[in-house]
Amino acid sequence: MTSDRLYLRQLLSGTDFAANDPIAQQMVNFVYAVGDRETSECVLIDPAYAVNELLDIVEADGMRVTAVLATHFHADHIGGNLMGHQLEGVATLLERCDCPVHVQRDETPWITRTSGLTADQLVQHDGGDTVQVGDITITLVHTPGHTPGSQCFHVDGRLISGDTLFLDGCGRTDFPGSDPAAMYDSLQTLAAMPTGTVVYPGHHYSPPNSATIDEIRASNYVYRPKNKDQWLTMFGS
């Protein structure tokens, strides 16, 4: 029943929205809309660059945004300062659409420093919590490594993986707040997802838009190390 009701759109920055924004074109972020077709409710995951366009797109589908989910604090995902460029993001979205913003608890101080949001605008979660959108249940998976409070979203056999896991590669671990050892553990958590889970990444860094976790485990070089020591030797510096 869930699959019939599930509304899922994958929107590419610089192409599907913010088409004339050179930073959006360069960064090739994916934004996701996930919702319940019967109740017409949906959430936006990592809205940035041109949030009014994103709202217009889902509203044209007959959906209304009832919440925002953030994978992590970086400006190309939720707005803020990116190397001297001020990117539109969740703060602008809330001016038009008053809704909760769901974040991982460990990410809160980073989000408030970079996004223009205040702590009272955020709903703080732990790993394993769920967010309900109509009859659709989204499970929050805490995946520290790229940032302390990075999180992925598991819904109906699909995993929206943010910058934790790409189809080829993973998020960088040399940024402030990054932790290579934690990234190794998070990648193992995702590798253990059920067979056939379809992974939808945070950036369009590979020709496909998605792939199964089985395909990624077999082909992605981040899964070549056999243990954490090997991983840290390859990716820890």
Protein backbone atom coordinates (compact mmCIF):
# COMPACT_ATOMS: atom_id res chain seq x y z
CA MET A 1 0.00 0.00 0.00
CA THR A 2 2.82 2.40 0.86
CA SER A 3 4.43 2.17 -2.58
CA ASP A 4 1.18 3.16 -4.27
CA ARG A 5 0.83 6.18 -2.01
CA LEU A 6 4.48 7.24 -2.02
CA TYR A 7 5.26 10.49 -3.79
CA LEU A 8 8.97 10.82 -4.56
CA ARG A 9 10.63 13.39 -6.78
CA GLN A 10 14.35 13.79 -7.31
CA LEU A 11 15.16 17.33 -8.44
CA LEU A 12 18.58 18.38 -9.76
CA SER A 13 19.92 21.85 -9.02
CA GLY A 14 20.96 23.81 -12.07
CA THR A 15 18.64 21.74 -14.26
CA ASP A 16 15.23 21.06 -12.70
CA PHE A 17 15.38 24.26 -10.64
CA ALA A 18 17.81 27.18 -10.30
CA ALA A 19 18.60 26.56 -13.96
CA ASN A 20 20.39 29.88 -14.40
CA ASP A 21 22.42 29.69 -11.20
CA PRO A 22 26.06 28.85 -12.00
CA ILE A 23 26.75 27.63 -8.44
CA ALA A 24 23.74 25.31 -8.57
CA GLN A 25 24.94 24.03 -11.93
CA GLN A 26 28.42 23.40 -10.55
CA MET A 27 27.35 21.78 -7.27
CA VAL A 28 24.70 19.48 -8.84
CA ASN A 29 22.78 18.95 -5.62
CA PHE A 30 19.75 16.72 -5.50
CA VAL A 31 16.70 17.90 -3.59
CA TYR A 32 14.03 15.34 -2.75
CA ALA A 33 10.30 15.68 -2.23
CA VAL A 34 8.76 12.75 -0.35
CA GLY A 35 5.11 12.48 0.53
CA ASP A 36 1.74 10.79 0.57
CA ARG A 37 -0.28 11.11 -2.64
CA GLU A 38 -3.58 10.50 -0.84
CA THR A 39 -3.17 13.22 1.77
CA SER A 40 -1.17 15.53 -0.56
CA GLU A 41 1.42 16.15 2.19
CA CYS A 42 5.13 16.10 1.44
CA VAL A 43 8.49 17.02 2.92
CA LEU A 44 11.40 18.66 1.15
CA ILE A 45 14.84 17.22 1.83
CA ASP A 46 17.75 19.69 1.59
CA PRO A 47 16.02 22.59 -0.20
CA ALA A 48 18.49 25.23 -1.37
CA TYR A 49 19.30 27.68 -4.20
CA ALA A 50 15.75 28.47 -5.41
CA VAL A 51 13.32 27.34 -2.75
CA ASN A 52 10.30 29.11 -4.20
CA GLU A 53 10.80 27.19 -7.43
CA LEU A 54 10.90 23.96 -5.43
CA LEU A 55 7.67 24.86 -3.65
CA ASP A 56 6.07 25.72 -7.00
CA ILE A 57 7.13 22.36 -8.46
CA VAL A 58 5.56 20.26 -5.71
CA GLU A 59 2.47 22.46 -5.56
CA ALA A 60 2.00 21.93 -9.30
CA ASP A 61 1.87 18.21 -8.46
CA GLY A 62 -0.96 18.90 -6.03
CA MET A 63 1.27 18.51 -2.97
CA ARG A 64 1.86 20.85 -0.05
CA VAL A 65 5.05 21.01 2.01
CA THR A 66 4.48 20.20 5.67
CA ALA A 67 8.11 19.82 6.83
CA VAL A 68 11.75 20.10 5.86
CA LEU A 69 14.35 17.39 6.51
CA ALA A 70 18.04 18.27 6.52
CA THR A 71 20.77 15.72 5.87
CA HIS A 72 23.48 18.05 7.23
CA PHE A 73 24.46 21.67 7.72
CA HIS A 74 26.43 22.52 4.59
CA ALA A 75 25.13 25.55 2.74
CA ASP A 76 24.58 23.79 -0.58
CA HIS A 77 21.99 21.64 1.21
CA ILE A 78 20.14 24.06 3.49
CA GLY A 79 21.41 27.55 2.59
CA GLY A 80 24.01 29.84 4.08
CA ASN A 81 27.51 30.98 3.21
CA LEU A 82 29.40 28.87 0.69
CA MET A 83 32.90 30.20 0.09
CA GLY A 84 31.69 33.79 0.19
CA HIS A 85 28.47 33.16 -1.73
CA GLN A 86 25.21 33.46 0.19
CA LEU A 87 22.90 30.63 -0.86
CA GLU A 88 19.17 30.72 -0.40
CA GLY A 89 17.83 27.88 1.71
CA VAL A 90 15.53 26.80 4.50
CA ALA A 91 15.35 30.24 6.15
CA THR A 92 13.81 31.66 2.97
CA LEU A 93 11.48 28.68 2.60
CA LEU A 94 10.07 29.28 6.09
CA GLU A 95 9.02 32.79 5.06
CA ARG A 96 6.52 31.23 2.66
CA CYS A 97 5.88 27.88 4.32
CA ASP A 98 5.77 27.76 8.12
CA CYS A 99 6.74 24.17 8.94
CA PRO A 100 9.05 22.16 11.21
CA VAL A 101 12.68 21.55 10.22
CA HIS A 102 13.87 18.08 11.26
CA VAL A 103 17.58 17.75 12.05
CA GLN A 104 19.87 15.33 13.82
CA ARG A 105 20.59 16.52 17.35
CA ASP A 106 24.39 16.65 16.94
CA GLU A 107 24.01 18.92 13.90
CA THR A 108 22.03 21.64 15.69
CA PRO A 109 24.93 23.97 16.65
CA TRP A 110 26.41 23.73 13.18
CA ILE A 111 23.07 24.49 11.51
CA THR A 112 22.39 27.52 13.67
CA ARG A 113 25.84 28.94 12.89
CA THR A 114 25.56 28.63 9.13
CA SER A 115 21.93 28.71 7.99
CA GLY A 116 20.24 31.71 9.58
CA LEU A 117 17.97 29.38 11.55
CA THR A 118 17.60 29.41 15.32
CA ALA A 119 17.40 26.36 17.58
CA ASP A 120 13.71 26.95 18.31
CA GLN A 121 12.97 26.51 14.60
CA LEU A 122 14.47 23.02 14.61
CA VAL A 123 13.06 19.67 15.67
CA GLN A 124 16.02 17.71 17.03
CA HIS A 125 16.16 13.94 16.53
CA ASP A 126 18.21 10.90 17.41
CA GLY A 127 19.00 8.05 15.05
CA GLY A 128 16.06 5.68 14.69
CA ASP A 129 13.43 8.38 15.12
CA THR A 130 10.70 8.58 12.50
CA VAL A 131 8.90 11.40 10.75
CA GLN A 132 5.38 10.78 9.53
CA VAL A 133 4.08 12.32 6.30
CA GLY A 134 0.49 11.26 5.91
CA ASP A 135 0.68 7.45 5.92
CA ILE A 136 4.35 7.44 4.86
CA THR A 137 6.96 6.72 7.55
CA ILE A 138 10.47 8.11 7.11
CA THR A 139 13.13 6.60 9.38
CA LEU A 140 16.10 8.80 10.31
CA VAL A 141 19.49 7.08 10.16
CA HIS A 142 22.32 8.89 11.97
CA THR A 143 25.47 8.64 9.82
CA PRO A 144 28.24 10.82 11.29
CA GLY A 145 31.49 11.20 9.41
CA HIS A 146 31.01 13.91 6.80
CA THR A 147 29.56 16.04 9.62
CA PRO A 148 28.73 15.16 13.25
CA GLY A 149 25.00 15.02 12.69
CA SER A 150 24.72 13.82 9.12
CA GLN A 151 21.61 11.73 8.63
CA CYS A 152 20.05 9.64 5.89
CA PHE A 153 16.37 8.91 5.33
CA HIS A 154 14.96 5.41 4.80
CA VAL A 155 11.48 5.20 3.32
CA ASP A 156 9.74 2.27 1.64
CA GLY A 157 12.87 0.48 0.40
CA ARG A 158 14.63 3.69 -0.57
CA LEU A 159 17.52 5.48 1.10
CA ILE A 160 18.16 9.18 0.61
CA SER A 161 21.81 9.26 1.57
CA GLY A 162 22.82 12.94 1.46
CA ASP A 163 26.59 13.35 1.43
CA THR A 164 27.27 10.20 3.44
CA LEU A 165 27.25 7.82 0.48
CA PHE A 166 27.41 8.57 -3.22
CA LEU A 167 27.01 5.99 -5.96
CA ASP A 168 30.77 6.25 -6.36
CA GLY A 169 32.64 7.62 -3.36
CA CYS A 170 31.44 9.18 -0.14
CA GLY A 171 31.36 12.57 1.54
CA ARG A 172 34.66 14.23 2.34
CA THR A 173 36.11 13.73 5.81
CA ASP A 174 38.58 16.62 5.88
CA PHE A 175 36.06 19.38 6.66
CA PRO A 176 35.40 20.94 10.09
CA GLY A 177 33.39 18.43 12.09
CA SER A 178 34.35 15.50 9.88
CA ASP A 179 35.51 12.18 11.35
CA PRO A 180 37.01 9.46 9.10
CA ALA A 181 36.57 6.70 11.70
CA ALA A 182 32.91 7.61 12.17
CA MET A 183 32.45 7.66 8.39
CA TYR A 184 33.72 4.09 8.16
CA ASP A 185 31.14 2.97 10.74
CA SER A 186 28.36 4.89 8.98
CA LEU A 187 29.21 3.32 5.62
CA GLN A 188 28.98 -0.11 7.23
CA THR A 189 25.57 0.82 8.61
CA LEU A 190 24.38 1.71 5.12
CA ALA A 191 25.98 -1.39 3.58
CA ALA A 192 23.79 -3.47 5.90
CA MET A 193 20.58 -2.00 4.48
CA PRO A 194 18.19 -4.63 3.08
CA THR A 195 19.02 -6.15 -0.28
CA GLY A 196 17.51 -4.13 -3.09
CA THR A 197 17.39 -0.85 -1.17
CA VAL A 198 17.61 1.93 -3.77
CA VAL A 199 20.08 4.68 -2.83
CA TYR A 200 19.41 8.27 -3.86
CA PRO A 201 22.52 10.44 -3.26
CA GLY A 202 22.90 14.10 -2.35
CA HIS A 203 24.80 15.02 -5.54
CA HIS A 204 24.75 13.94 -9.17
CA TYR A 205 28.39 12.85 -9.28
CA SER A 206 27.79 9.70 -11.35
CA PRO A 207 25.80 9.16 -14.56
CA PRO A 208 22.97 7.18 -12.89
CA ASN A 209 20.58 9.03 -10.58
CA SER A 210 20.30 6.08 -8.21
CA ALA A 211 21.53 2.53 -7.65
CA THR A 212 20.83 -0.35 -5.29
CA ILE A 213 22.95 -0.76 -2.19
CA ASP A 214 24.02 -4.15 -3.61
CA GLU A 215 25.41 -2.49 -6.74
CA ILE A 216 27.14 0.18 -4.68
CA ARG A 217 28.74 -2.33 -2.31
CA ALA A 218 30.12 -4.20 -5.32
CA SER A 219 31.45 -1.21 -7.26
CA ASN A 220 32.12 1.71 -4.92
CA TYR A 221 35.79 2.02 -3.96
CA VAL A 222 34.91 3.11 -0.41
CA TYR A 223 33.90 -0.49 0.28
CA ARG A 224 37.21 -1.99 -0.85
CA PRO A 225 38.99 -1.74 2.54
CA LYS A 226 38.37 -4.90 4.56
CA ASN A 227 38.44 -3.26 7.98
CA LYS A 228 38.63 0.11 9.73
CA ASP A 229 42.43 0.13 9.87
CA GLN A 230 42.62 -0.28 6.10
CA TRP A 231 39.94 2.38 5.67
CA LEU A 232 41.85 4.89 7.82
CA THR A 233 45.05 4.15 5.94
CA MET A 234 43.32 4.99 2.67
CA PHE A 235 40.91 7.75 3.69
CA GLY A 236 41.96 8.99 7.11
CA SER A 237 44.39 11.73 6.12
